[in-house]
Amino acid sequence: MTKIDPAHRVALIRINKLYRLGMDGNSLYQATRKWWVVDPERGAEWAFAIYEGVVKGVFQIEGWEPDPDGSGRWAFHGERSAEMERTYFGADVSDYFTRGARNPVQYVNC
């Protein structure tokens, strides 16, 4: 298990149902960014795309937008971070999720 640096405010987002081996960067971004029941006020600065407990992508969060349908769900917009991926890509972060937890989003250091 990889420990996330305490200076990094992260939203771990499980995309198990959306992830496909070999998906391109834009598809990974779209699968990770929307639509989630989250609290933008928690201050997450990074979104990690998680598949089966492993980091598959890291995105810097630049802002949040509410679902126009009024569902109460949110999407972030931002960019992929090669620098942060050098640190976290392929890392096992499964211990941050409580076993049996249904919520696909877990905050770390937020």
PDB file of N, CA and C in Angstrom:
ATOM      1  N   MET A   1       0.848  -1.183   0.000  1.00  0.00           N
ATOM      2  CA  MET A   1       0.000   0.000   0.000  1.00  0.00           C
ATOM      3  C   MET A   1       0.887   1.238   0.000  1.00  0.00           C
ATOM      4  N   THR A   2       0.536   2.174  -0.822  1.00  0.00           N
ATOM      5  CA  THR A   2       1.270   3.429  -0.918  1.00  0.00           C
ATOM      6  C   THR A   2       0.640   4.460  -0.007  1.00  0.00           C
ATOM      7  N   LYS A   3       1.465   5.202   0.703  1.00  0.00           N
ATOM      8  CA  LYS A   3       1.001   6.288   1.559  1.00  0.00           C
ATOM      9  C   LYS A   3       0.965   7.564   0.729  1.00  0.00           C
ATOM     10  N   ILE A   4      -0.161   8.259   0.775  1.00  0.00           N
ATOM     11  CA  ILE A   4      -0.302   9.525   0.067  1.00  0.00           C
ATOM     12  C   ILE A   4       0.288  10.625   0.937  1.00  0.00           C
ATOM     13  N   ASP A   5       1.134  11.437   0.335  1.00  0.00           N
ATOM     14  CA  ASP A   5       1.802  12.537   1.035  1.00  0.00           C
ATOM     15  C   ASP A   5       0.756  13.428   1.716  1.00  0.00           C
ATOM     16  N   PRO A   6       0.956  13.760   2.997  1.00  0.00           N
ATOM     17  CA  PRO A   6      -0.013  14.603   3.714  1.00  0.00           C
ATOM     18  C   PRO A   6      -0.234  15.977   3.081  1.00  0.00           C
ATOM     19  N   ALA A   7       0.702  16.439   2.253  1.00  0.00           N
ATOM     20  CA  ALA A   7       0.550  17.733   1.576  1.00  0.00           C
ATOM     21  C   ALA A   7      -0.400  17.649   0.384  1.00  0.00           C
ATOM     22  N   HIS A   8      -0.739  16.430  -0.033  1.00  0.00           N
ATOM     23  CA  HIS A   8      -1.604  16.255  -1.205  1.00  0.00           C
ATOM     24  C   HIS A   8      -3.044  16.020  -0.774  1.00  0.00           C
ATOM     25  N   ARG A   9      -3.920  16.951  -1.158  1.00  0.00           N
ATOM     26  CA  ARG A   9      -5.357  16.865  -0.857  1.00  0.00           C
ATOM     27  C   ARG A   9      -6.023  16.147  -2.033  1.00  0.00           C
ATOM     28  N   VAL A  10      -6.477  14.910  -1.785  1.00  0.00           N
ATOM     29  CA  VAL A  10      -6.849  14.011  -2.874  1.00  0.00           C
ATOM     30  C   VAL A  10      -8.279  13.484  -2.737  1.00  0.00           C
ATOM     31  N   ALA A  11      -8.946  13.399  -3.881  1.00  0.00           N
ATOM     32  CA  ALA A  11     -10.193  12.647  -3.988  1.00  0.00           C
ATOM     33  C   ALA A  11      -9.860  11.383  -4.777  1.00  0.00           C
ATOM     34  N   LEU A  12      -9.943  10.235  -4.112  1.00  0.00           N
ATOM     35  CA  LEU A  12      -9.754   8.959  -4.794  1.00  0.00           C
ATOM     36  C   LEU A  12     -11.100   8.588  -5.398  1.00  0.00           C
ATOM     37  N   ILE A  13     -11.145   8.359  -6.702  1.00  0.00           N
ATOM     38  CA  ILE A  13     -12.413   8.083  -7.384  1.00  0.00           C
ATOM     39  C   ILE A  13     -12.325   6.720  -8.058  1.00  0.00           C
ATOM     40  N   ARG A  14     -13.109   5.785  -7.539  1.00  0.00           N
ATOM     41  CA  ARG A  14     -13.125   4.434  -8.124  1.00  0.00           C
ATOM     42  C   ARG A  14     -13.943   4.439  -9.406  1.00  0.00           C
ATOM     43  N   ILE A  15     -13.321   3.983 -10.484  1.00  0.00           N
ATOM     44  CA  ILE A  15     -13.996   3.932 -11.789  1.00  0.00           C
ATOM     45  C   ILE A  15     -14.038   2.496 -12.295  1.00  0.00           C
ATOM     46  N   ASN A  16     -14.223   1.549 -11.394  1.00  0.00           N
ATOM     47  CA  ASN A  16     -14.179   0.128 -11.758  1.00  0.00           C
ATOM     48  C   ASN A  16     -15.109  -0.237 -12.906  1.00  0.00           C
ATOM     49  N   LYS A  17     -16.300   0.342 -12.949  1.00  0.00           N
ATOM     50  CA  LYS A  17     -17.267  -0.011 -13.999  1.00  0.00           C
ATOM     51  C   LYS A  17     -16.987   0.704 -15.315  1.00  0.00           C
ATOM     52  N   LEU A  18     -16.239   1.794 -15.268  1.00  0.00           N
ATOM     53  CA  LEU A  18     -15.992   2.603 -16.461  1.00  0.00           C
ATOM     54  C   LEU A  18     -14.625   2.362 -17.087  1.00  0.00           C
ATOM     55  N   TYR A  19     -13.706   1.814 -16.318  1.00  0.00           N
ATOM     56  CA  TYR A  19     -12.334   1.640 -16.794  1.00  0.00           C
ATOM     57  C   TYR A  19     -12.238   0.513 -17.815  1.00  0.00           C
ATOM     58  N   ARG A  20     -11.438   0.756 -18.860  1.00  0.00           N
ATOM     59  CA  ARG A  20     -11.155  -0.255 -19.881  1.00  0.00           C
ATOM     60  C   ARG A  20      -9.653  -0.260 -20.124  1.00  0.00           C
ATOM     61  N   LEU A  21      -9.044  -1.419 -20.172  1.00  0.00           N
ATOM     62  CA  LEU A  21      -7.622  -1.552 -20.454  1.00  0.00           C
ATOM     63  C   LEU A  21      -7.306  -0.864 -21.775  1.00  0.00           C
ATOM     64  N   GLY A  22      -6.288  -0.019 -21.777  1.00  0.00           N
ATOM     65  CA  GLY A  22      -5.868   0.657 -22.996  1.00  0.00           C
ATOM     66  C   GLY A  22      -6.674   1.888 -23.357  1.00  0.00           C
ATOM     67  N   MET A  23      -7.564   2.345 -22.462  1.00  0.00           N
ATOM     68  CA  MET A  23      -8.354   3.528 -22.806  1.00  0.00           C
ATOM     69  C   MET A  23      -7.433   4.744 -22.933  1.00  0.00           C
ATOM     70  N   ASP A  24      -7.786   5.651 -23.853  1.00  0.00           N
ATOM     71  CA  ASP A  24      -6.948   6.824 -24.074  1.00  0.00           C
ATOM     72  C   ASP A  24      -7.116   7.831 -22.943  1.00  0.00           C
ATOM     73  N   GLY A  25      -6.242   8.833 -22.920  1.00  0.00           N
ATOM     74  CA  GLY A  25      -6.229   9.817 -21.838  1.00  0.00           C
ATOM     75  C   GLY A  25      -7.523  10.581 -21.680  1.00  0.00           C
ATOM     76  N   ASN A  26      -8.147  10.965 -22.801  1.00  0.00           N
ATOM     77  CA  ASN A  26      -9.404  11.709 -22.705  1.00  0.00           C
ATOM     78  C   ASN A  26     -10.520  10.831 -22.147  1.00  0.00           C
ATOM     79  N   SER A  27     -10.571   9.583 -22.552  1.00  0.00           N
ATOM     80  CA  SER A  27     -11.596   8.666 -22.032  1.00  0.00           C
ATOM     81  C   SER A  27     -11.415   8.444 -20.537  1.00  0.00           C
ATOM     82  N   LEU A  28     -10.166   8.327 -20.099  1.00  0.00           N
ATOM     83  CA  LEU A  28      -9.888   8.164 -18.667  1.00  0.00           C
ATOM     84  C   LEU A  28     -10.320   9.414 -17.901  1.00  0.00           C
ATOM     85  N   TYR A  29     -10.019  10.574 -18.445  1.00  0.00           N
ATOM     86  CA  TYR A  29     -10.429  11.839 -17.835  1.00  0.00           C
ATOM     87  C   TYR A  29     -11.949  11.915 -17.712  1.00  0.00           C
ATOM     88  N   GLN A  30     -12.659  11.630 -18.794  1.00  0.00           N
ATOM     89  CA  GLN A  30     -14.122  11.698 -18.772  1.00  0.00           C
ATOM     90  C   GLN A  30     -14.729  10.697 -17.783  1.00  0.00           C
ATOM     91  N   ALA A  31     -14.141   9.513 -17.695  1.00  0.00           N
ATOM     92  CA  ALA A  31     -14.640   8.499 -16.757  1.00  0.00           C
ATOM     93  C   ALA A  31     -14.420   8.926 -15.315  1.00  0.00           C
ATOM     94  N   THR A  32     -13.363   9.686 -15.083  1.00  0.00           N
ATOM     95  CA  THR A  32     -12.997  10.080 -13.720  1.00  0.00           C
ATOM     96  C   THR A  32     -13.709  11.348 -13.270  1.00  0.00           C
ATOM     97  N   ARG A  33     -13.977  12.266 -14.160  1.00  0.00           N
ATOM     98  CA  ARG A  33     -14.396  13.610 -13.768  1.00  0.00           C
ATOM     99  C   ARG A  33     -15.872  13.774 -13.398  1.00  0.00           C
ATOM    100  N   LYS A  34     -16.776  12.904 -13.858  1.00  0.00           N
ATOM    101  CA  LYS A  34     -18.195  13.187 -13.621  1.00  0.00           C
ATOM    102  C   LYS A  34     -19.031  11.935 -13.460  1.00  0.00           C
ATOM    103  N   TRP A  35     -20.121  11.977 -13.016  1.00  0.00           N
ATOM    104  CA  TRP A  35     -20.889  12.806 -12.095  1.00  0.00           C
ATOM    105  C   TRP A  35     -20.893  12.109 -10.754  1.00  0.00           C
ATOM    106  N   TRP A  36     -20.392  12.773  -9.723  1.00  0.00           N
ATOM    107  CA  TRP A  36     -20.186  12.156  -8.419  1.00  0.00           C
ATOM    108  C   TRP A  36     -20.889  12.936  -7.315  1.00  0.00           C
ATOM    109  N   VAL A  37     -21.289  12.219  -6.284  1.00  0.00           N
ATOM    110  CA  VAL A  37     -21.800  12.865  -5.075  1.00  0.00           C
ATOM    111  C   VAL A  37     -20.566  13.212  -4.251  1.00  0.00           C
ATOM    112  N   VAL A  38     -20.166  14.474  -4.336  1.00  0.00           N
ATOM    113  CA  VAL A  38     -18.977  14.947  -3.640  1.00  0.00           C
ATOM    114  C   VAL A  38     -19.282  16.272  -2.962  1.00  0.00           C
ATOM    115  N   ASP A  39     -18.354  16.714  -2.132  1.00  0.00           N
ATOM    116  CA  ASP A  39     -18.441  18.018  -1.497  1.00  0.00           C
ATOM    117  C   ASP A  39     -17.264  18.852  -1.993  1.00  0.00           C
ATOM    118  N   PRO A  40     -17.476  19.725  -2.980  1.00  0.00           N
ATOM    119  CA  PRO A  40     -16.381  20.538  -3.504  1.00  0.00           C
ATOM    120  C   PRO A  40     -15.700  21.380  -2.419  1.00  0.00           C
ATOM    121  N   GLU A  41     -16.416  21.656  -1.338  1.00  0.00           N
ATOM    122  CA  GLU A  41     -15.858  22.454  -0.248  1.00  0.00           C
ATOM    123  C   GLU A  41     -14.791  21.704   0.547  1.00  0.00           C
ATOM    124  N   ARG A  42     -14.661  20.404   0.329  1.00  0.00           N
ATOM    125  CA  ARG A  42     -13.630  19.632   1.041  1.00  0.00           C
ATOM    126  C   ARG A  42     -12.223  20.054   0.621  1.00  0.00           C
ATOM    127  N   GLY A  43     -12.100  20.666  -0.542  1.00  0.00           N
ATOM    128  CA  GLY A  43     -10.830  21.230  -0.965  1.00  0.00           C
ATOM    129  C   GLY A  43      -9.866  20.268  -1.634  1.00  0.00           C
ATOM    130  N   ALA A  44     -10.376  19.192  -2.223  1.00  0.00           N
ATOM    131  CA  ALA A  44      -9.487  18.275  -2.946  1.00  0.00           C
ATOM    132  C   ALA A  44      -8.825  19.027  -4.100  1.00  0.00           C
ATOM    133  N   GLU A  45      -7.516  18.867  -4.222  1.00  0.00           N
ATOM    134  CA  GLU A  45      -6.763  19.512  -5.286  1.00  0.00           C
ATOM    135  C   GLU A  45      -6.386  18.531  -6.394  1.00  0.00           C
ATOM    136  N   TRP A  46      -6.491  17.244  -6.097  1.00  0.00           N
ATOM    137  CA  TRP A  46      -6.124  16.184  -7.034  1.00  0.00           C
ATOM    138  C   TRP A  46      -7.222  15.136  -7.069  1.00  0.00           C
ATOM    139  N   ALA A  47      -7.463  14.586  -8.243  1.00  0.00           N
ATOM    140  CA  ALA A  47      -8.379  13.454  -8.395  1.00  0.00           C
ATOM    141  C   ALA A  47      -7.564  12.288  -8.940  1.00  0.00           C
ATOM    142  N   PHE A  48      -7.627  11.170  -8.233  1.00  0.00           N
ATOM    143  CA  PHE A  48      -6.936   9.966  -8.679  1.00  0.00           C
ATOM    144  C   PHE A  48      -7.964   9.010  -9.258  1.00  0.00           C
ATOM    145  N   ALA A  49      -7.749   8.562 -10.485  1.00  0.00           N
ATOM    146  CA  ALA A  49      -8.601   7.543 -11.105  1.00  0.00           C
ATOM    147  C   ALA A  49      -8.144   6.191 -10.555  1.00  0.00           C
ATOM    148  N   ILE A  50      -9.063   5.489  -9.891  1.00  0.00           N
ATOM    149  CA  ILE A  50      -8.714   4.228  -9.230  1.00  0.00           C
ATOM    150  C   ILE A  50      -9.466   3.070  -9.881  1.00  0.00           C
ATOM    151  N   TYR A  51      -8.731   2.046 -10.257  1.00  0.00           N
ATOM    152  CA  TYR A  51      -9.316   0.812 -10.774  1.00  0.00           C
ATOM    153  C   TYR A  51      -8.773  -0.342  -9.941  1.00  0.00           C
ATOM    154  N   GLU A  52      -9.688  -1.055  -9.308  1.00  0.00           N
ATOM    155  CA  GLU A  52      -9.343  -2.189  -8.447  1.00  0.00           C
ATOM    156  C   GLU A  52      -8.241  -1.834  -7.455  1.00  0.00           C
ATOM    157  N   GLY A  53      -8.343  -0.625  -6.876  1.00  0.00           N
ATOM    158  CA  GLY A  53      -7.432  -0.191  -5.825  1.00  0.00           C
ATOM    159  C   GLY A  53      -6.122   0.389  -6.303  1.00  0.00           C
ATOM    160  N   VAL A  54      -5.925   0.480  -7.622  1.00  0.00           N
ATOM    161  CA  VAL A  54      -4.653   0.942  -8.191  1.00  0.00           C
ATOM    162  C   VAL A  54      -4.871   2.259  -8.946  1.00  0.00           C
ATOM    163  N   VAL A  55      -3.934   3.201  -8.786  1.00  0.00           N
ATOM    164  CA  VAL A  55      -4.007   4.503  -9.448  1.00  0.00           C
ATOM    165  C   VAL A  55      -3.712   4.339 -10.942  1.00  0.00           C
ATOM    166  N   LYS A  56      -4.667   4.766 -11.771  1.00  0.00           N
ATOM    167  CA  LYS A  56      -4.530   4.687 -13.226  1.00  0.00           C
ATOM    168  C   LYS A  56      -4.356   6.047 -13.885  1.00  0.00           C
ATOM    169  N   GLY A  57      -4.587   7.109 -13.121  1.00  0.00           N
ATOM    170  CA  GLY A  57      -4.417   8.462 -13.652  1.00  0.00           C
ATOM    171  C   GLY A  57      -4.529   9.464 -12.522  1.00  0.00           C
ATOM    172  N   VAL A  58      -3.868  10.613 -12.695  1.00  0.00           N
ATOM    173  CA  VAL A  58      -3.925  11.691 -11.704  1.00  0.00           C
ATOM    174  C   VAL A  58      -4.253  12.988 -12.428  1.00  0.00           C
ATOM    175  N   PHE A  59      -5.245  13.693 -11.915  1.00  0.00           N
ATOM    176  CA  PHE A  59      -5.707  14.941 -12.515  1.00  0.00           C
ATOM    177  C   PHE A  59      -5.681  16.056 -11.486  1.00  0.00           C
ATOM    178  N   GLN A  60      -5.174  17.216 -11.884  1.00  0.00           N
ATOM    179  CA  GLN A  60      -5.222  18.381 -11.014  1.00  0.00           C
ATOM    180  C   GLN A  60      -6.598  19.008 -11.169  1.00  0.00           C
ATOM    181  N   ILE A  61      -7.290  19.179 -10.061  1.00  0.00           N
ATOM    182  CA  ILE A  61      -8.638  19.760 -10.081  1.00  0.00           C
ATOM    183  C   ILE A  61      -8.523  21.276 -10.143  1.00  0.00           C
ATOM    184  N   GLU A  62      -9.116  21.859 -11.177  1.00  0.00           N
ATOM    185  CA  GLU A  62      -9.100  23.313 -11.342  1.00  0.00           C
ATOM    186  C   GLU A  62     -10.419  23.951 -10.936  1.00  0.00           C
ATOM    187  N   GLY A  63     -11.464  23.145 -10.818  1.00  0.00           N
ATOM    188  CA  GLY A  63     -12.766  23.665 -10.414  1.00  0.00           C
ATOM    189  C   GLY A  63     -13.825  22.582 -10.501  1.00  0.00           C
ATOM    190  N   TRP A  64     -15.016  22.916  -9.998  1.00  0.00           N
ATOM    191  CA  TRP A  64     -16.140  21.975  -9.981  1.00  0.00           C
ATOM    192  C   TRP A  64     -17.351  22.611 -10.637  1.00  0.00           C
ATOM    193  N   GLU A  65     -18.196  21.783 -11.233  1.00  0.00           N
ATOM    194  CA  GLU A  65     -19.452  22.258 -11.812  1.00  0.00           C
ATOM    195  C   GLU A  65     -20.571  21.311 -11.394  1.00  0.00           C
ATOM    196  N   PRO A  66     -21.736  21.876 -11.058  1.00  0.00           N
ATOM    197  CA  PRO A  66     -22.858  21.016 -10.684  1.00  0.00           C
ATOM    198  C   PRO A  66     -23.513  20.397 -11.913  1.00  0.00           C
ATOM    199  N   ASP A  67     -24.121  19.248 -11.709  1.00  0.00           N
ATOM    200  CA  ASP A  67     -24.871  18.594 -12.781  1.00  0.00           C
ATOM    201  C   ASP A  67     -26.016  19.515 -13.192  1.00  0.00           C
ATOM    202  N   PRO A  68     -26.130  19.852 -14.475  1.00  0.00           N
ATOM    203  CA  PRO A  68     -27.208  20.749 -14.909  1.00  0.00           C
ATOM    204  C   PRO A  68     -28.602  20.159 -14.700  1.00  0.00           C
ATOM    205  N   ASP A  69     -28.689  18.846 -14.511  1.00  0.00           N
ATOM    206  CA  ASP A  69     -29.988  18.216 -14.271  1.00  0.00           C
ATOM    207  C   ASP A  69     -30.455  18.384 -12.829  1.00  0.00           C
ATOM    208  N   GLY A  70     -29.616  18.984 -11.973  1.00  0.00           N
ATOM    209  CA  GLY A  70     -30.002  19.219 -10.584  1.00  0.00           C
ATOM    210  C   GLY A  70     -29.970  17.967  -9.723  1.00  0.00           C
ATOM    211  N   SER A  71     -29.154  16.987 -10.099  1.00  0.00           N
ATOM    212  CA  SER A  71     -29.100  15.721  -9.358  1.00  0.00           C
ATOM    213  C   SER A  71     -28.335  15.836  -8.045  1.00  0.00           C
ATOM    214  N   GLY A  72     -27.608  16.950  -7.858  1.00  0.00           N
ATOM    215  CA  GLY A  72     -26.768  17.091  -6.680  1.00  0.00           C
ATOM    216  C   GLY A  72     -25.385  16.497  -6.875  1.00  0.00           C
ATOM    217  N   ARG A  73     -25.131  16.002  -8.065  1.00  0.00           N
ATOM    218  CA  ARG A  73     -23.813  15.437  -8.373  1.00  0.00           C
ATOM    219  C   ARG A  73     -22.929  16.513  -9.002  1.00  0.00           C
ATOM    220  N   TRP A  74     -21.631  16.270  -8.977  1.00  0.00           N
ATOM    221  CA  TRP A  74     -20.662  17.248  -9.442  1.00  0.00           C
ATOM    222  C   TRP A  74     -19.659  16.622 -10.394  1.00  0.00           C
ATOM    223  N   ALA A  75     -19.039  17.474 -11.212  1.00  0.00           N
ATOM    224  CA  ALA A  75     -17.938  17.078 -12.085  1.00  0.00           C
ATOM    225  C   ALA A  75     -16.807  18.083 -11.883  1.00  0.00           C
ATOM    226  N   PHE A  76     -15.586  17.589 -11.891  1.00  0.00           N
ATOM    227  CA  PHE A  76     -14.456  18.516 -11.827  1.00  0.00           C
ATOM    228  C   PHE A  76     -13.958  18.783 -13.239  1.00  0.00           C
ATOM    229  N   HIS A  77     -13.232  19.871 -13.405  1.00  0.00           N
ATOM    230  CA  HIS A  77     -12.499  20.083 -14.631  1.00  0.00           C
ATOM    231  C   HIS A  77     -11.053  20.359 -14.235  1.00  0.00           C
ATOM    232  N   GLY A  78     -10.164  19.868 -15.063  1.00  0.00           N
ATOM    233  CA  GLY A  78      -8.752  19.995 -14.758  1.00  0.00           C
ATOM    234  C   GLY A  78      -7.913  19.332 -15.820  1.00  0.00           C
ATOM    235  N   GLU A  79      -6.665  19.043 -15.462  1.00  0.00           N
ATOM    236  CA  GLU A  79      -5.734  18.464 -16.427  1.00  0.00           C
ATOM    237  C   GLU A  79      -4.970  17.313 -15.797  1.00  0.00           C
ATOM    238  N   ARG A  80      -4.565  16.408 -16.643  1.00  0.00           N
ATOM    239  CA  ARG A  80      -3.758  15.277 -16.192  1.00  0.00           C
ATOM    240  C   ARG A  80      -2.386  15.801 -15.764  1.00  0.00           C
ATOM    241  N   SER A  81      -1.843  15.208 -14.708  1.00  0.00           N
ATOM    242  CA  SER A  81      -0.560  15.653 -14.173  1.00  0.00           C
ATOM    243  C   SER A  81       0.494  14.558 -14.309  1.00  0.00           C
ATOM    244  N   ALA A  82       1.394  14.731 -15.285  1.00  0.00           N
ATOM    245  CA  ALA A  82       2.476  13.758 -15.476  1.00  0.00           C
ATOM    246  C   ALA A  82       3.389  13.726 -14.253  1.00  0.00           C
ATOM    247  N   GLU A  83       3.603  14.882 -13.638  1.00  0.00           N
ATOM    248  CA  GLU A  83       4.476  14.947 -12.463  1.00  0.00           C
ATOM    249  C   GLU A  83       3.919  14.111 -11.307  1.00  0.00           C
ATOM    250  N   MET A  84       2.645  14.276 -11.019  1.00  0.00           N
ATOM    251  CA  MET A  84       2.035  13.498  -9.925  1.00  0.00           C
ATOM    252  C   MET A  84       1.920  12.022 -10.307  1.00  0.00           C
ATOM    253  N   GLU A  85       1.732  11.733 -11.572  1.00  0.00           N
ATOM    254  CA  GLU A  85       1.668  10.336 -12.000  1.00  0.00           C
ATOM    255  C   GLU A  85       3.009   9.635 -11.818  1.00  0.00           C
ATOM    256  N   ARG A  86       4.104  10.373 -11.935  1.00  0.00           N
ATOM    257  CA  ARG A  86       5.415   9.767 -11.684  1.00  0.00           C
ATOM    258  C   ARG A  86       5.506   9.265 -10.241  1.00  0.00           C
ATOM    259  N   THR A  87       4.805   9.936  -9.353  1.00  0.00           N
ATOM    260  CA  THR A  87       4.813   9.546  -7.941  1.00  0.00           C
ATOM    261  C   THR A  87       3.791   8.454  -7.645  1.00  0.00           C
ATOM    262  N   TYR A  88       2.596   8.558  -8.229  1.00  0.00           N
ATOM    263  CA  TYR A  88       1.491   7.704  -7.791  1.00  0.00           C
ATOM    264  C   TYR A  88       0.980   6.674  -8.797  1.00  0.00           C
ATOM    265  N   PHE A  89       1.301   6.804 -10.079  1.00  0.00           N
ATOM    266  CA  PHE A  89       0.750   5.860 -11.067  1.00  0.00           C
ATOM    267  C   PHE A  89       1.137   4.429 -10.698  1.00  0.00           C
ATOM    268  N   GLY A  90       0.146   3.555 -10.699  1.00  0.00           N
ATOM    269  CA  GLY A  90       0.376   2.147 -10.367  1.00  0.00           C
ATOM    270  C   GLY A  90       0.392   1.851  -8.882  1.00  0.00           C
ATOM    271  N   ALA A  91       0.243   2.887  -8.060  1.00  0.00           N
ATOM    272  CA  ALA A  91       0.275   2.699  -6.606  1.00  0.00           C
ATOM    273  C   ALA A  91      -0.992   2.011  -6.116  1.00  0.00           C
ATOM    274  N   ASP A  92      -0.835   1.148  -5.154  1.00  0.00           N
ATOM    275  CA  ASP A  92      -1.971   0.487  -4.504  1.00  0.00           C
ATOM    276  C   ASP A  92      -2.459   1.388  -3.374  1.00  0.00           C
ATOM    277  N   VAL A  93      -3.679   1.902  -3.513  1.00  0.00           N
ATOM    278  CA  VAL A  93      -4.263   2.777  -2.490  1.00  0.00           C
ATOM    279  C   VAL A  93      -5.529   2.147  -1.901  1.00  0.00           C
ATOM    280  N   SER A  94      -5.678   0.862  -2.084  1.00  0.00           N
ATOM    281  CA  SER A  94      -6.909   0.176  -1.664  1.00  0.00           C
ATOM    282  C   SER A  94      -7.176   0.286  -0.168  1.00  0.00           C
ATOM    283  N   ASP A  95      -6.127   0.423   0.646  1.00  0.00           N
ATOM    284  CA  ASP A  95      -6.334   0.521   2.097  1.00  0.00           C
ATOM    285  C   ASP A  95      -7.036   1.813   2.509  1.00  0.00           C
ATOM    286  N   TYR A  96      -7.101   2.802   1.635  1.00  0.00           N
ATOM    287  CA  TYR A  96      -7.808   4.047   1.957  1.00  0.00           C
ATOM    288  C   TYR A  96      -9.326   3.878   1.888  1.00  0.00           C
ATOM    289  N   PHE A  97      -9.781   2.814   1.244  1.00  0.00           N
ATOM    290  CA  PHE A  97     -11.216   2.559   1.141  1.00  0.00           C
ATOM    291  C   PHE A  97     -11.628   1.575   2.222  1.00  0.00           C
ATOM    292  N   THR A  98     -12.675   1.914   2.950  1.00  0.00           N
ATOM    293  CA  THR A  98     -13.211   1.006   3.948  1.00  0.00           C
ATOM    294  C   THR A  98     -13.820  -0.191   3.247  1.00  0.00           C
ATOM    295  N   ARG A  99     -13.488  -1.363   3.716  1.00  0.00           N
ATOM    296  CA  ARG A  99     -14.006  -2.587   3.097  1.00  0.00           C
ATOM    297  C   ARG A  99     -15.531  -2.578   3.104  1.00  0.00           C
ATOM    298  N   GLY A 100     -16.123  -2.823   1.952  1.00  0.00           N
ATOM    299  CA  GLY A 100     -17.574  -2.846   1.822  1.00  0.00           C
ATOM    300  C   GLY A 100     -18.205  -1.480   1.606  1.00  0.00           C
ATOM    301  N   ALA A 101     -17.393  -0.418   1.588  1.00  0.00           N
ATOM    302  CA  ALA A 101     -17.932   0.933   1.381  1.00  0.00           C
ATOM    303  C   ALA A 101     -18.516   1.036  -0.022  1.00  0.00           C
ATOM    304  N   ARG A 102     -19.676   1.654  -0.113  1.00  0.00           N
ATOM    305  CA  ARG A 102     -20.363   1.764  -1.398  1.00  0.00           C
ATOM    306  C   ARG A 102     -19.999   3.052  -2.146  1.00  0.00           C
ATOM    307  N   ASN A 103     -19.605   4.066  -1.403  1.00  0.00           N
ATOM    308  CA  ASN A 103     -19.283   5.341  -2.043  1.00  0.00           C
ATOM    309  C   ASN A 103     -17.990   5.205  -2.859  1.00  0.00           C
ATOM    310  N   PRO A 104     -18.016   5.537  -4.142  1.00  0.00           N
ATOM    311  CA  PRO A 104     -16.821   5.403  -4.965  1.00  0.00           C
ATOM    312  C   PRO A 104     -15.776   6.491  -4.731  1.00  0.00           C
ATOM    313  N   VAL A 105     -16.115   7.501  -3.933  1.00  0.00           N
ATOM    314  CA  VAL A 105     -15.190   8.612  -3.689  1.00  0.00           C
ATOM    315  C   VAL A 105     -14.710   8.564  -2.241  1.00  0.00           C
ATOM    316  N   GLN A 106     -13.411   8.634  -2.069  1.00  0.00           N
ATOM    317  CA  GLN A 106     -12.801   8.682  -0.736  1.00  0.00           C
ATOM    318  C   GLN A 106     -11.830   9.866  -0.706  1.00  0.00           C
ATOM    319  N   TYR A 107     -11.959  10.700   0.320  1.00  0.00           N
ATOM    320  CA  TYR A 107     -11.059  11.847   0.460  1.00  0.00           C
ATOM    321  C   TYR A 107      -9.850  11.459   1.311  1.00  0.00           C
ATOM    322  N   VAL A 108      -8.687  11.996   0.939  1.00  0.00           N
ATOM    323  CA  VAL A 108      -7.469  11.809   1.709  1.00  0.00           C
ATOM    324  C   VAL A 108      -6.853  13.198   1.933  1.00  0.00           C
ATOM    325  N   ASN A 109      -6.602  13.516   3.187  1.00  0.00           N
ATOM    326  CA  ASN A 109      -6.009  14.799   3.597  1.00  0.00           C
ATOM    327  C   ASN A 109      -6.914  16.000   3.311  1.00  0.00           C
ATOM    328  N   CYS A 110      -8.190  15.774   3.211  1.00  0.00           N
ATOM    329  CA  CYS A 110      -9.141  16.874   2.959  1.00  0.00           C
ATOM    330  C   CYS A 110     -10.042  17.052   4.183  1.00  0.00           C
TER     331      CYS A 110
END
